[in-house]
Each structure stands twice: as structure tokens, then as C-alpha cells.
Amino acid sequence: MYTVYVYVLDTLADWELGYVIAELNSGRFFKKEAPPVVLKTVSASKEPIQTMGGLTIMPTCSVEDLVVGETSVMLLPGADTWNGPKHEAIIEKAGEFLAAGATVGAICGATAALANYGLLDHRPHTSNGQEFLEMVSPGYQGQRFYVDKPSVADHNLMTAGSTGALLWAKQIIKRLEVFQPNTLEAWYEYFRTGAPEYFFALTQALPSGNEH
């Protein structure tokens, strides 16, 4: 079983998580032998947070509750509040996840938090631009590993800029191996292009009676 810990903080960028959490939580396109996935929301405290879109989220656990293991997954969304000191605990925990072989996905502002902690200094990564990381992350020393793409997968670390949410989701789902490869490709291409042939290919992965 995978446990997916979704870190939530004020001004969370709603759209950046949408693709990946919807698929991991619903399991609608999972292959038959896929392990179950449980999503948990995590925050610096258990106080409610408000997203950029105005949604209120009540976290289900705190950073101290996270279990580090190869079947643990951490998702770190973008937000305008990452520079707050209270978020240092989750970034430290992200380092533990990476060292243990657990999966970490960071997008937009969350990549800056990882960069400032030195977690991007020695592995391929991306963000909203190398200059962005240099500007907002004083501790960043990973320039020679920066890759100018919407999303970059490096073993158990997936990083993305604010426009890379779809590819980031694909890379995380691929890492967890919960989709058949052809289903994942059809899913990605449908949401990328809107071409109907990919939609019909996707329906083949749905259980009978759920083709909508």
C-alpha cells in the first residue's frame, strides 16, 4: 500500500495538485494488480489552511505523524508562503524521504524550499527558472543540475514549474506503477491534447459501467 502525504499550506496553488491527487485518490484508471493508495493531508499544525482558490482544508495529520518508507510518497505544492520558518520541518522530512528511497514530488514554490535546503544541489531538477531559484533560495547551489523543462523526474524525486502539473502527475504515476503504461500514455495525451481517440482509449481502462 502507498501512503501519499499531501502537504497543505496557506495560499496553496490548487491547480498544481489537481491531476495527480484526483487519479491517485480515485484509482479510476489503476491496473487490476495496483496496490491500494491512501491520501493524507499534512500541515505544520492541524489548523485549517486556505488555498489560493479560497478552499478550506482541514489537515489530517502533522509532520511528526509521517512514516518514512519506500511506499511513502510526499507531494509538495506551490504556495506564496513557503518562506515561513514553520515549513522547515517538512523540508527536513523530505530529505529523509529521499534518502530512504521514498518518492517526493515538488512543484513551483516547493522546489525553491527544497533548493534552499540543498536538496537540489546534486541531482537533476527544474522549477520556474534557474533565475527564480537563485533569487528566492539563497542556499541554492544546484545550477549545473538545472534542466529547463516543465517537469523533471530523477529516480524518486519529481520537480516541476508552475506550468508542469500534468507532466509532473504523469511522472509520479509512472514512478508508482499504478497505471498500465498504455493507459498512462492515453491519459497524458488526452489531457495534453484533448484528442478524442485518447479519451476512448482511456475508457478501456475503466471498470464496466463507469465510462463517463
N, C-alpha and C. Protein backbone atom coordinates (compact mmCIF):
# COMPACT_ATOMS: atom_id res chain seq x y z
N MET A 1 0.84 -1.19 0.00
CA MET A 1 0.00 0.00 0.00
C MET A 1 0.87 1.25 0.00
N TYR A 2 0.51 2.22 -0.83
CA TYR A 2 1.18 3.51 -0.83
C TYR A 2 0.43 4.48 0.09
N THR A 3 1.17 5.22 0.86
CA THR A 3 0.60 6.33 1.62
C THR A 3 1.12 7.62 1.02
N VAL A 4 0.21 8.43 0.51
CA VAL A 4 0.58 9.69 -0.14
C VAL A 4 0.27 10.83 0.81
N TYR A 5 1.32 11.51 1.25
CA TYR A 5 1.18 12.64 2.16
C TYR A 5 1.19 13.93 1.34
N VAL A 6 0.09 14.64 1.34
CA VAL A 6 -0.05 15.89 0.60
C VAL A 6 0.11 17.04 1.58
N TYR A 7 1.20 17.78 1.43
CA TYR A 7 1.43 18.90 2.35
C TYR A 7 0.56 20.08 1.94
N VAL A 8 -0.15 20.64 2.90
CA VAL A 8 -1.04 21.77 2.62
C VAL A 8 -0.60 22.97 3.45
N LEU A 9 -0.65 24.13 2.83
CA LEU A 9 -0.25 25.37 3.49
C LEU A 9 -1.04 26.52 2.88
N ASP A 10 -1.15 27.61 3.60
CA ASP A 10 -1.92 28.74 3.11
C ASP A 10 -1.41 29.22 1.76
N THR A 11 -2.33 29.61 0.90
CA THR A 11 -2.12 30.05 -0.49
C THR A 11 -1.71 28.91 -1.42
N LEU A 12 -1.89 27.67 -1.00
CA LEU A 12 -1.62 26.50 -1.85
C LEU A 12 -2.23 26.71 -3.24
N ALA A 13 -1.45 26.44 -4.27
CA ALA A 13 -1.90 26.59 -5.65
C ALA A 13 -2.74 25.37 -6.06
N ASP A 14 -4.05 25.52 -5.99
CA ASP A 14 -4.98 24.39 -6.15
C ASP A 14 -4.72 23.56 -7.41
N TRP A 15 -4.53 24.24 -8.54
CA TRP A 15 -4.44 23.54 -9.82
C TRP A 15 -3.22 22.64 -9.95
N GLU A 16 -2.18 22.93 -9.19
CA GLU A 16 -0.94 22.17 -9.34
C GLU A 16 -1.07 20.74 -8.83
N LEU A 17 -1.95 20.52 -7.90
CA LEU A 17 -2.17 19.18 -7.35
C LEU A 17 -3.28 18.42 -8.04
N GLY A 18 -4.14 19.12 -8.77
CA GLY A 18 -5.38 18.53 -9.25
C GLY A 18 -5.24 17.23 -10.00
N TYR A 19 -4.38 17.19 -11.01
CA TYR A 19 -4.25 15.99 -11.82
C TYR A 19 -3.80 14.79 -11.00
N VAL A 20 -2.77 14.96 -10.21
CA VAL A 20 -2.17 13.80 -9.56
C VAL A 20 -3.01 13.29 -8.40
N ILE A 21 -3.56 14.18 -7.57
CA ILE A 21 -4.31 13.66 -6.43
C ILE A 21 -5.65 13.08 -6.85
N ALA A 22 -6.25 13.63 -7.91
CA ALA A 22 -7.52 13.06 -8.38
C ALA A 22 -7.35 11.62 -8.83
N GLU A 23 -6.28 11.34 -9.55
CA GLU A 23 -6.07 9.99 -10.05
C GLU A 23 -5.61 9.03 -8.95
N LEU A 24 -4.72 9.49 -8.09
CA LEU A 24 -4.24 8.60 -7.02
C LEU A 24 -5.34 8.30 -6.02
N ASN A 25 -6.20 9.27 -5.76
CA ASN A 25 -7.27 9.06 -4.78
C ASN A 25 -8.41 8.23 -5.36
N SER A 26 -8.81 8.50 -6.60
CA SER A 26 -9.94 7.78 -7.19
C SER A 26 -9.56 6.38 -7.64
N GLY A 27 -8.34 6.23 -8.13
CA GLY A 27 -7.91 4.93 -8.65
C GLY A 27 -8.68 4.48 -9.87
N ARG A 28 -9.35 5.40 -10.55
CA ARG A 28 -10.26 5.01 -11.63
C ARG A 28 -9.57 4.36 -12.82
N PHE A 29 -8.30 4.68 -13.03
CA PHE A 29 -7.58 4.09 -14.15
C PHE A 29 -6.48 3.13 -13.69
N PHE A 30 -6.52 2.74 -12.43
CA PHE A 30 -5.50 1.82 -11.92
C PHE A 30 -5.57 0.46 -12.62
N LYS A 31 -4.42 -0.16 -12.79
CA LYS A 31 -4.41 -1.53 -13.28
C LYS A 31 -4.92 -2.46 -12.17
N LYS A 32 -5.36 -3.64 -12.55
CA LYS A 32 -6.01 -4.54 -11.60
C LYS A 32 -5.11 -4.90 -10.42
N GLU A 33 -3.83 -5.05 -10.69
CA GLU A 33 -2.91 -5.51 -9.63
C GLU A 33 -2.27 -4.34 -8.88
N ALA A 34 -2.73 -3.12 -9.11
CA ALA A 34 -2.13 -1.96 -8.43
C ALA A 34 -2.37 -2.03 -6.93
N PRO A 35 -1.39 -1.63 -6.15
CA PRO A 35 -1.59 -1.60 -4.69
C PRO A 35 -2.55 -0.48 -4.33
N PRO A 36 -3.24 -0.60 -3.20
CA PRO A 36 -4.11 0.49 -2.77
C PRO A 36 -3.31 1.73 -2.42
N VAL A 37 -3.95 2.89 -2.56
CA VAL A 37 -3.31 4.17 -2.26
C VAL A 37 -4.18 4.93 -1.27
N VAL A 38 -3.56 5.42 -0.22
CA VAL A 38 -4.26 6.23 0.79
C VAL A 38 -3.66 7.63 0.78
N LEU A 39 -4.50 8.66 0.64
CA LEU A 39 -4.04 10.03 0.68
C LEU A 39 -4.30 10.64 2.05
N LYS A 40 -3.31 11.37 2.56
CA LYS A 40 -3.45 12.07 3.83
C LYS A 40 -2.95 13.50 3.66
N THR A 41 -3.68 14.45 4.21
CA THR A 41 -3.23 15.84 4.16
C THR A 41 -2.42 16.15 5.42
N VAL A 42 -1.31 16.83 5.20
CA VAL A 42 -0.35 17.11 6.27
C VAL A 42 -0.09 18.62 6.31
N SER A 43 0.11 19.16 7.50
CA SER A 43 0.50 20.56 7.60
C SER A 43 1.41 20.76 8.79
N ALA A 44 1.92 21.97 8.91
CA ALA A 44 2.80 22.29 10.02
C ALA A 44 2.08 22.19 11.35
N SER A 45 0.77 22.39 11.33
CA SER A 45 -0.08 22.18 12.50
C SER A 45 -1.37 21.55 11.98
N LYS A 46 -2.29 21.28 12.83
CA LYS A 46 -3.55 20.70 12.38
C LYS A 46 -4.64 21.77 12.24
N GLU A 47 -4.19 23.03 12.15
CA GLU A 47 -5.13 24.12 11.93
C GLU A 47 -5.56 24.13 10.46
N PRO A 48 -6.79 24.57 10.16
CA PRO A 48 -7.23 24.62 8.76
C PRO A 48 -6.39 25.61 7.96
N ILE A 49 -6.21 25.31 6.68
CA ILE A 49 -5.50 26.23 5.79
C ILE A 49 -6.45 26.65 4.68
N GLN A 50 -6.13 27.76 4.04
CA GLN A 50 -6.95 28.24 2.92
C GLN A 50 -6.10 28.29 1.66
N THR A 51 -6.60 27.67 0.61
CA THR A 51 -5.87 27.62 -0.65
C THR A 51 -5.98 28.95 -1.40
N MET A 52 -5.19 29.07 -2.46
CA MET A 52 -5.25 30.25 -3.30
C MET A 52 -6.65 30.43 -3.90
N GLY A 53 -7.32 29.30 -4.14
CA GLY A 53 -8.67 29.33 -4.70
C GLY A 53 -9.76 29.55 -3.68
N GLY A 54 -9.38 29.72 -2.42
CA GLY A 54 -10.35 30.01 -1.39
C GLY A 54 -10.96 28.80 -0.71
N LEU A 55 -10.44 27.62 -0.99
CA LEU A 55 -10.94 26.42 -0.33
C LEU A 55 -10.28 26.23 1.03
N THR A 56 -11.04 25.76 1.98
CA THR A 56 -10.51 25.49 3.30
C THR A 56 -10.24 23.99 3.44
N ILE A 57 -9.03 23.65 3.85
CA ILE A 57 -8.64 22.25 4.03
C ILE A 57 -8.27 22.02 5.48
N MET A 58 -8.84 20.98 6.05
CA MET A 58 -8.51 20.58 7.42
C MET A 58 -7.50 19.43 7.37
N PRO A 59 -6.25 19.67 7.73
CA PRO A 59 -5.23 18.61 7.65
C PRO A 59 -5.60 17.42 8.53
N THR A 60 -5.20 16.24 8.08
CA THR A 60 -5.50 15.03 8.85
C THR A 60 -4.34 14.59 9.72
N CYS A 61 -3.14 15.11 9.46
CA CYS A 61 -2.01 14.76 10.31
C CYS A 61 -0.96 15.85 10.27
N SER A 62 -0.02 15.77 11.19
CA SER A 62 1.07 16.74 11.26
C SER A 62 2.36 16.09 10.77
N VAL A 63 3.39 16.88 10.61
CA VAL A 63 4.65 16.37 10.08
C VAL A 63 5.20 15.24 10.94
N GLU A 64 5.00 15.33 12.24
CA GLU A 64 5.51 14.30 13.15
C GLU A 64 4.85 12.94 12.91
N ASP A 65 3.69 12.93 12.27
CA ASP A 65 2.97 11.68 12.04
C ASP A 65 3.45 10.92 10.81
N LEU A 66 4.26 11.55 9.97
CA LEU A 66 4.68 10.92 8.72
C LEU A 66 5.55 9.69 8.98
N VAL A 67 5.29 8.65 8.22
CA VAL A 67 6.08 7.42 8.27
C VAL A 67 6.97 7.37 7.05
N VAL A 68 8.26 7.23 7.26
CA VAL A 68 9.23 7.20 6.16
C VAL A 68 9.47 5.77 5.73
N GLY A 69 9.23 5.50 4.45
CA GLY A 69 9.47 4.16 3.91
C GLY A 69 9.37 4.19 2.41
N GLU A 70 9.76 3.11 1.75
CA GLU A 70 9.78 3.10 0.29
C GLU A 70 8.39 3.24 -0.33
N THR A 71 7.35 2.91 0.43
CA THR A 71 5.99 3.05 -0.10
C THR A 71 5.33 4.35 0.38
N SER A 72 6.13 5.25 0.91
CA SER A 72 5.63 6.57 1.30
C SER A 72 5.88 7.56 0.16
N VAL A 73 4.95 8.48 -0.02
CA VAL A 73 5.03 9.49 -1.08
C VAL A 73 4.74 10.84 -0.45
N MET A 74 5.53 11.85 -0.79
CA MET A 74 5.29 13.20 -0.32
C MET A 74 5.07 14.12 -1.51
N LEU A 75 3.96 14.86 -1.49
CA LEU A 75 3.66 15.83 -2.54
C LEU A 75 3.68 17.23 -1.93
N LEU A 76 4.50 18.10 -2.53
CA LEU A 76 4.68 19.46 -2.04
C LEU A 76 4.22 20.44 -3.10
N PRO A 77 3.09 21.12 -2.90
CA PRO A 77 2.55 22.03 -3.91
C PRO A 77 3.17 23.42 -3.81
N GLY A 78 2.94 24.21 -4.83
CA GLY A 78 3.36 25.59 -4.79
C GLY A 78 2.48 26.41 -3.85
N ALA A 79 3.03 27.51 -3.35
CA ALA A 79 2.32 28.44 -2.48
C ALA A 79 3.19 29.68 -2.32
N ASP A 80 2.57 30.77 -1.89
CA ASP A 80 3.31 32.00 -1.67
C ASP A 80 3.89 32.09 -0.26
N THR A 81 3.70 31.06 0.54
CA THR A 81 4.06 31.14 1.95
C THR A 81 5.17 30.17 2.35
N TRP A 82 5.90 29.64 1.37
CA TRP A 82 6.92 28.64 1.67
C TRP A 82 8.09 29.19 2.49
N ASN A 83 8.31 30.50 2.47
CA ASN A 83 9.47 31.03 3.19
C ASN A 83 9.25 31.13 4.69
N GLY A 84 8.08 30.74 5.18
CA GLY A 84 7.83 30.74 6.62
C GLY A 84 8.65 29.66 7.32
N PRO A 85 9.23 29.97 8.47
CA PRO A 85 10.09 29.00 9.17
C PRO A 85 9.34 27.74 9.62
N LYS A 86 8.04 27.81 9.77
CA LYS A 86 7.30 26.64 10.22
C LYS A 86 7.30 25.51 9.20
N HIS A 87 7.69 25.80 7.95
CA HIS A 87 7.72 24.77 6.92
C HIS A 87 9.07 24.05 6.82
N GLU A 88 10.02 24.46 7.64
CA GLU A 88 11.33 23.81 7.61
C GLU A 88 11.23 22.33 7.98
N ALA A 89 10.29 22.00 8.85
CA ALA A 89 10.16 20.60 9.31
C ALA A 89 9.81 19.66 8.17
N ILE A 90 8.91 20.09 7.26
CA ILE A 90 8.51 19.21 6.16
C ILE A 90 9.65 19.08 5.14
N ILE A 91 10.45 20.13 4.96
CA ILE A 91 11.57 20.04 4.03
C ILE A 91 12.65 19.12 4.59
N GLU A 92 12.87 19.19 5.87
CA GLU A 92 13.79 18.25 6.51
C GLU A 92 13.29 16.82 6.35
N LYS A 93 11.99 16.64 6.50
CA LYS A 93 11.41 15.31 6.32
C LYS A 93 11.52 14.86 4.86
N ALA A 94 11.42 15.80 3.93
CA ALA A 94 11.59 15.46 2.51
C ALA A 94 12.98 14.88 2.27
N GLY A 95 13.98 15.44 2.94
CA GLY A 95 15.33 14.89 2.83
C GLY A 95 15.40 13.47 3.34
N GLU A 96 14.69 13.17 4.41
CA GLU A 96 14.64 11.80 4.94
C GLU A 96 13.96 10.87 3.94
N PHE A 97 12.88 11.35 3.32
CA PHE A 97 12.18 10.55 2.31
C PHE A 97 13.12 10.20 1.17
N LEU A 98 13.81 11.20 0.65
CA LEU A 98 14.69 10.97 -0.50
C LEU A 98 15.81 9.99 -0.14
N ALA A 99 16.38 10.13 1.04
CA ALA A 99 17.46 9.24 1.47
C ALA A 99 16.98 7.81 1.64
N ALA A 100 15.71 7.64 1.98
CA ALA A 100 15.15 6.31 2.21
C ALA A 100 14.60 5.66 0.94
N GLY A 101 14.65 6.38 -0.18
CA GLY A 101 14.10 5.84 -1.42
C GLY A 101 12.63 6.09 -1.61
N ALA A 102 12.03 6.86 -0.71
CA ALA A 102 10.62 7.22 -0.85
C ALA A 102 10.47 8.29 -1.93
N THR A 103 9.28 8.43 -2.46
CA THR A 103 9.02 9.35 -3.57
C THR A 103 8.66 10.74 -3.04
N VAL A 104 9.28 11.76 -3.64
CA VAL A 104 8.97 13.15 -3.32
C VAL A 104 8.67 13.90 -4.61
N GLY A 105 7.53 14.58 -4.63
CA GLY A 105 7.17 15.43 -5.76
C GLY A 105 7.03 16.86 -5.27
N ALA A 106 7.75 17.79 -5.91
CA ALA A 106 7.68 19.20 -5.53
C ALA A 106 7.44 20.03 -6.78
N ILE A 107 6.56 21.02 -6.66
CA ILE A 107 6.22 21.84 -7.81
C ILE A 107 6.23 23.31 -7.42
N CYS A 108 6.67 24.14 -8.36
CA CYS A 108 6.63 25.60 -8.22
C CYS A 108 7.37 26.05 -6.95
N GLY A 109 6.71 26.76 -6.06
CA GLY A 109 7.37 27.31 -4.88
C GLY A 109 7.99 26.26 -3.98
N ALA A 110 7.47 25.05 -4.00
CA ALA A 110 8.04 23.99 -3.17
C ALA A 110 9.45 23.63 -3.63
N THR A 111 9.73 23.78 -4.92
CA THR A 111 11.08 23.49 -5.40
C THR A 111 12.08 24.49 -4.81
N ALA A 112 11.63 25.72 -4.61
CA ALA A 112 12.51 26.73 -4.00
C ALA A 112 12.85 26.36 -2.56
N ALA A 113 11.88 25.80 -1.87
CA ALA A 113 12.13 25.37 -0.49
C ALA A 113 13.15 24.23 -0.46
N LEU A 114 13.01 23.28 -1.38
CA LEU A 114 14.00 22.18 -1.46
C LEU A 114 15.38 22.73 -1.82
N ALA A 115 15.39 23.68 -2.77
CA ALA A 115 16.66 24.25 -3.22
C ALA A 115 17.38 24.96 -2.08
N ASN A 116 16.63 25.69 -1.29
CA ASN A 116 17.23 26.45 -0.20
C ASN A 116 17.83 25.53 0.88
N TYR A 117 17.29 24.31 0.95
CA TYR A 117 17.77 23.32 1.93
C TYR A 117 18.91 22.47 1.37
N GLY A 118 19.27 22.71 0.11
CA GLY A 118 20.37 21.97 -0.50
C GLY A 118 19.99 20.65 -1.13
N LEU A 119 18.68 20.36 -1.20
CA LEU A 119 18.25 19.05 -1.70
C LEU A 119 18.29 18.94 -3.22
N LEU A 120 18.53 20.07 -3.91
CA LEU A 120 18.62 20.04 -5.37
C LEU A 120 20.04 20.29 -5.86
N ASP A 121 20.99 20.31 -4.97
CA ASP A 121 22.36 20.68 -5.34
C ASP A 121 23.07 19.63 -6.18
N HIS A 122 22.65 18.35 -6.07
CA HIS A 122 23.42 17.28 -6.71
C HIS A 122 22.56 16.33 -7.53
N ARG A 123 21.38 16.79 -7.97
CA ARG A 123 20.55 15.91 -8.80
C ARG A 123 19.73 16.74 -9.78
N PRO A 124 19.42 16.17 -10.96
CA PRO A 124 18.65 16.91 -11.96
C PRO A 124 17.31 17.38 -11.40
N HIS A 125 16.94 18.60 -11.77
CA HIS A 125 15.70 19.19 -11.26
C HIS A 125 15.28 20.35 -12.15
N THR A 126 14.07 20.83 -11.91
CA THR A 126 13.60 22.03 -12.59
C THR A 126 12.77 22.85 -11.63
N SER A 127 12.30 24.00 -12.12
CA SER A 127 11.49 24.90 -11.30
C SER A 127 10.86 25.92 -12.25
N ASN A 128 10.61 27.12 -11.77
CA ASN A 128 10.07 28.19 -12.60
C ASN A 128 11.18 28.94 -13.35
N GLY A 129 12.36 28.39 -13.34
CA GLY A 129 13.51 29.02 -13.97
C GLY A 129 14.69 29.00 -13.02
N GLN A 130 15.88 28.84 -13.57
CA GLN A 130 17.08 28.83 -12.72
C GLN A 130 17.22 30.16 -11.98
N GLU A 131 16.88 31.25 -12.67
CA GLU A 131 16.99 32.57 -12.05
C GLU A 131 16.02 32.70 -10.88
N PHE A 132 14.87 32.06 -11.00
CA PHE A 132 13.89 32.07 -9.91
C PHE A 132 14.49 31.44 -8.66
N LEU A 133 15.12 30.27 -8.82
CA LEU A 133 15.73 29.60 -7.67
C LEU A 133 16.85 30.44 -7.07
N GLU A 134 17.65 31.05 -7.92
CA GLU A 134 18.75 31.88 -7.43
C GLU A 134 18.23 33.10 -6.67
N MET A 135 17.08 33.60 -7.10
CA MET A 135 16.52 34.81 -6.50
C MET A 135 15.88 34.53 -5.14
N VAL A 136 15.15 33.40 -5.04
CA VAL A 136 14.36 33.17 -3.82
C VAL A 136 14.99 32.16 -2.87
N SER A 137 16.05 31.47 -3.30
CA SER A 137 16.67 30.44 -2.47
C SER A 137 18.15 30.76 -2.28
N PRO A 138 18.49 31.49 -1.24
CA PRO A 138 19.89 31.90 -1.02
C PRO A 138 20.86 30.72 -0.90
N GLY A 139 20.34 29.56 -0.46
CA GLY A 139 21.21 28.41 -0.28
C GLY A 139 21.39 27.55 -1.52
N TYR A 140 20.78 27.94 -2.63
CA TYR A 140 20.79 27.12 -3.84
C TYR A 140 22.18 27.06 -4.48
N GLN A 141 22.66 25.82 -4.72
CA GLN A 141 23.96 25.62 -5.37
C GLN A 141 23.88 24.57 -6.49
N GLY A 142 22.67 24.36 -7.00
CA GLY A 142 22.49 23.27 -7.97
C GLY A 142 22.40 23.69 -9.41
N GLN A 143 22.99 24.83 -9.77
CA GLN A 143 22.83 25.37 -11.13
C GLN A 143 23.21 24.37 -12.23
N ARG A 144 24.27 23.62 -12.02
CA ARG A 144 24.73 22.72 -13.11
C ARG A 144 23.81 21.52 -13.28
N PHE A 145 22.88 21.31 -12.34
CA PHE A 145 21.93 20.21 -12.48
C PHE A 145 20.54 20.70 -12.91
N TYR A 146 20.43 22.00 -13.18
CA TYR A 146 19.13 22.53 -13.58
C TYR A 146 18.79 22.11 -15.01
N VAL A 147 17.54 21.67 -15.22
CA VAL A 147 17.06 21.24 -16.53
C VAL A 147 15.87 22.11 -16.91
N ASP A 148 15.94 22.75 -18.05
CA ASP A 148 14.89 23.68 -18.46
C ASP A 148 13.74 22.95 -19.14
N LYS A 149 12.95 22.25 -18.35
CA LYS A 149 11.77 21.51 -18.83
C LYS A 149 10.63 21.73 -17.84
N PRO A 150 9.37 21.49 -18.27
CA PRO A 150 8.24 21.70 -17.37
C PRO A 150 8.29 20.84 -16.12
N SER A 151 8.79 19.61 -16.25
CA SER A 151 8.89 18.70 -15.12
C SER A 151 10.05 17.74 -15.36
N VAL A 152 10.74 17.39 -14.30
CA VAL A 152 11.92 16.52 -14.41
C VAL A 152 11.82 15.42 -13.36
N ALA A 153 11.99 14.18 -13.80
CA ALA A 153 11.99 13.04 -12.89
C ALA A 153 13.42 12.53 -12.74
N ASP A 154 13.88 12.45 -11.52
CA ASP A 154 15.20 11.90 -11.23
C ASP A 154 15.03 10.83 -10.15
N HIS A 155 14.86 9.60 -10.59
CA HIS A 155 14.63 8.48 -9.67
C HIS A 155 13.41 8.77 -8.79
N ASN A 156 13.62 9.01 -7.51
CA ASN A 156 12.48 9.19 -6.60
C ASN A 156 12.13 10.65 -6.34
N LEU A 157 12.71 11.57 -7.12
CA LEU A 157 12.39 12.99 -6.99
C LEU A 157 11.81 13.52 -8.29
N MET A 158 10.62 14.13 -8.21
CA MET A 158 9.98 14.77 -9.35
C MET A 158 9.79 16.24 -9.04
N THR A 159 10.39 17.10 -9.84
CA THR A 159 10.23 18.53 -9.66
C THR A 159 9.58 19.14 -10.89
N ALA A 160 8.87 20.25 -10.69
CA ALA A 160 8.17 20.88 -11.80
C ALA A 160 8.01 22.37 -11.56
N GLY A 161 7.87 23.12 -12.64
CA GLY A 161 7.49 24.52 -12.56
C GLY A 161 5.98 24.64 -12.51
N SER A 162 5.50 25.85 -12.40
CA SER A 162 4.07 26.07 -12.19
C SER A 162 3.21 25.64 -13.38
N THR A 163 3.80 25.52 -14.58
CA THR A 163 3.05 25.08 -15.75
C THR A 163 3.24 23.59 -16.05
N GLY A 164 3.93 22.88 -15.16
CA GLY A 164 4.26 21.48 -15.44
C GLY A 164 3.41 20.46 -14.72
N ALA A 165 2.24 20.86 -14.22
CA ALA A 165 1.46 19.97 -13.36
C ALA A 165 1.06 18.66 -14.03
N LEU A 166 0.72 18.71 -15.31
CA LEU A 166 0.26 17.50 -15.99
C LEU A 166 1.41 16.50 -16.16
N LEU A 167 2.54 16.97 -16.67
CA LEU A 167 3.69 16.08 -16.85
C LEU A 167 4.20 15.59 -15.49
N TRP A 168 4.19 16.46 -14.50
CA TRP A 168 4.59 16.08 -13.13
C TRP A 168 3.71 14.94 -12.62
N ALA A 169 2.41 15.06 -12.83
CA ALA A 169 1.49 13.99 -12.42
C ALA A 169 1.82 12.69 -13.15
N LYS A 170 2.08 12.78 -14.44
CA LYS A 170 2.42 11.58 -15.21
C LYS A 170 3.67 10.91 -14.64
N GLN A 171 4.67 11.69 -14.32
CA GLN A 171 5.92 11.13 -13.83
C GLN A 171 5.75 10.48 -12.45
N ILE A 172 4.92 11.07 -11.62
CA ILE A 172 4.66 10.49 -10.30
C ILE A 172 3.89 9.19 -10.45
N ILE A 173 2.85 9.19 -11.28
CA ILE A 173 2.05 7.97 -11.51
C ILE A 173 2.92 6.87 -12.10
N LYS A 174 3.80 7.24 -13.02
CA LYS A 174 4.71 6.25 -13.61
C LYS A 174 5.62 5.66 -12.55
N ARG A 175 6.13 6.50 -11.68
CA ARG A 175 7.02 6.04 -10.61
C ARG A 175 6.32 5.01 -9.72
N LEU A 176 5.03 5.23 -9.43
CA LEU A 176 4.29 4.33 -8.54
C LEU A 176 3.78 3.08 -9.26
N GLU A 177 3.79 3.09 -10.60
CA GLU A 177 3.40 1.93 -11.41
C GLU A 177 1.98 1.46 -11.09
N VAL A 178 1.06 2.41 -10.93
CA VAL A 178 -0.33 2.03 -10.66
C VAL A 178 -1.19 2.01 -11.92
N PHE A 179 -0.68 2.56 -13.03
CA PHE A 179 -1.35 2.50 -14.33
C PHE A 179 -0.61 1.50 -15.22
N GLN A 180 -1.33 0.89 -16.14
CA GLN A 180 -0.66 0.22 -17.24
C GLN A 180 0.02 1.29 -18.10
N PRO A 181 1.18 1.01 -18.69
CA PRO A 181 1.88 2.03 -19.47
C PRO A 181 1.03 2.65 -20.59
N ASN A 182 0.25 1.82 -21.29
CA ASN A 182 -0.57 2.37 -22.37
C ASN A 182 -1.70 3.24 -21.84
N THR A 183 -2.22 2.90 -20.66
CA THR A 183 -3.25 3.72 -20.03
C THR A 183 -2.68 5.07 -19.63
N LEU A 184 -1.50 5.06 -19.06
CA LEU A 184 -0.86 6.31 -18.63
C LEU A 184 -0.60 7.21 -19.83
N GLU A 185 -0.14 6.62 -20.93
CA GLU A 185 0.13 7.43 -22.11
C GLU A 185 -1.15 8.03 -22.68
N ALA A 186 -2.22 7.22 -22.72
CA ALA A 186 -3.52 7.72 -23.22
C ALA A 186 -4.04 8.82 -22.30
N TRP A 187 -3.91 8.64 -21.00
CA TRP A 187 -4.35 9.65 -20.02
C TRP A 187 -3.61 10.96 -20.24
N TYR A 188 -2.30 10.88 -20.35
CA TYR A 188 -1.49 12.08 -20.52
C TYR A 188 -1.82 12.79 -21.84
N GLU A 189 -1.88 12.01 -22.91
CA GLU A 189 -2.12 12.63 -24.21
C GLU A 189 -3.53 13.21 -24.32
N TYR A 190 -4.51 12.59 -23.65
CA TYR A 190 -5.86 13.15 -23.70
C TYR A 190 -5.89 14.52 -23.01
N PHE A 191 -5.34 14.61 -21.82
CA PHE A 191 -5.37 15.88 -21.12
C PHE A 191 -4.42 16.90 -21.73
N ARG A 192 -3.42 16.43 -22.45
CA ARG A 192 -2.49 17.35 -23.11
C ARG A 192 -3.08 17.90 -24.40
N THR A 193 -3.78 17.04 -25.16
CA THR A 193 -4.23 17.44 -26.50
C THR A 193 -5.74 17.57 -26.63
N GLY A 194 -6.50 16.84 -25.80
CA GLY A 194 -7.95 16.82 -25.96
C GLY A 194 -8.44 15.96 -27.11
N ALA A 195 -7.54 15.23 -27.75
CA ALA A 195 -7.91 14.41 -28.90
C ALA A 195 -8.81 13.25 -28.47
N PRO A 196 -9.97 13.06 -29.16
CA PRO A 196 -10.95 12.08 -28.69
C PRO A 196 -10.45 10.64 -28.72
N GLU A 197 -9.50 10.32 -29.60
CA GLU A 197 -9.04 8.94 -29.65
C GLU A 197 -8.39 8.52 -28.32
N TYR A 198 -7.78 9.47 -27.64
CA TYR A 198 -7.18 9.14 -26.35
C TYR A 198 -8.24 8.96 -25.28
N PHE A 199 -9.34 9.71 -25.39
CA PHE A 199 -10.44 9.52 -24.44
C PHE A 199 -11.01 8.12 -24.57
N PHE A 200 -11.22 7.66 -25.79
CA PHE A 200 -11.78 6.33 -25.98
C PHE A 200 -10.80 5.24 -25.56
N ALA A 201 -9.52 5.51 -25.72
CA ALA A 201 -8.53 4.55 -25.22
C ALA A 201 -8.59 4.48 -23.69
N LEU A 202 -8.83 5.62 -23.06
CA LEU A 202 -8.92 5.64 -21.60
C LEU A 202 -10.12 4.86 -21.09
N THR A 203 -11.23 4.91 -21.82
CA THR A 203 -12.43 4.20 -21.35
C THR A 203 -12.20 2.71 -21.26
N GLN A 204 -11.23 2.20 -22.01
CA GLN A 204 -10.93 0.77 -21.95
C GLN A 204 -10.34 0.38 -20.61
N ALA A 205 -9.80 1.38 -19.88
CA ALA A 205 -9.20 1.09 -18.58
C ALA A 205 -10.22 1.21 -17.44
N LEU A 206 -11.40 1.72 -17.75
CA LEU A 206 -12.42 1.88 -16.72
C LEU A 206 -13.17 0.58 -16.46
N PRO A 207 -13.56 0.32 -15.23
CA PRO A 207 -14.44 -0.84 -14.97
C PRO A 207 -15.73 -0.69 -15.74
N SER A 208 -16.35 -1.77 -16.10
CA SER A 208 -17.60 -1.74 -16.87
C SER A 208 -18.64 -0.90 -16.15
N GLY A 209 -19.26 0.00 -16.92
CA GLY A 209 -20.32 0.82 -16.37
C GLY A 209 -19.85 2.18 -15.86
N ASN A 210 -18.53 2.45 -15.97
CA ASN A 210 -18.01 3.74 -15.50
C ASN A 210 -17.42 4.57 -16.63
N GLU A 211 -17.98 4.49 -17.82
CA GLU A 211 -17.39 5.15 -18.98
C GLU A 211 -17.75 6.61 -19.09
N HIS A 212 -17.85 7.31 -18.01
CA HIS A 212 -18.11 8.76 -18.06
C HIS A 212 -17.56 9.42 -16.83
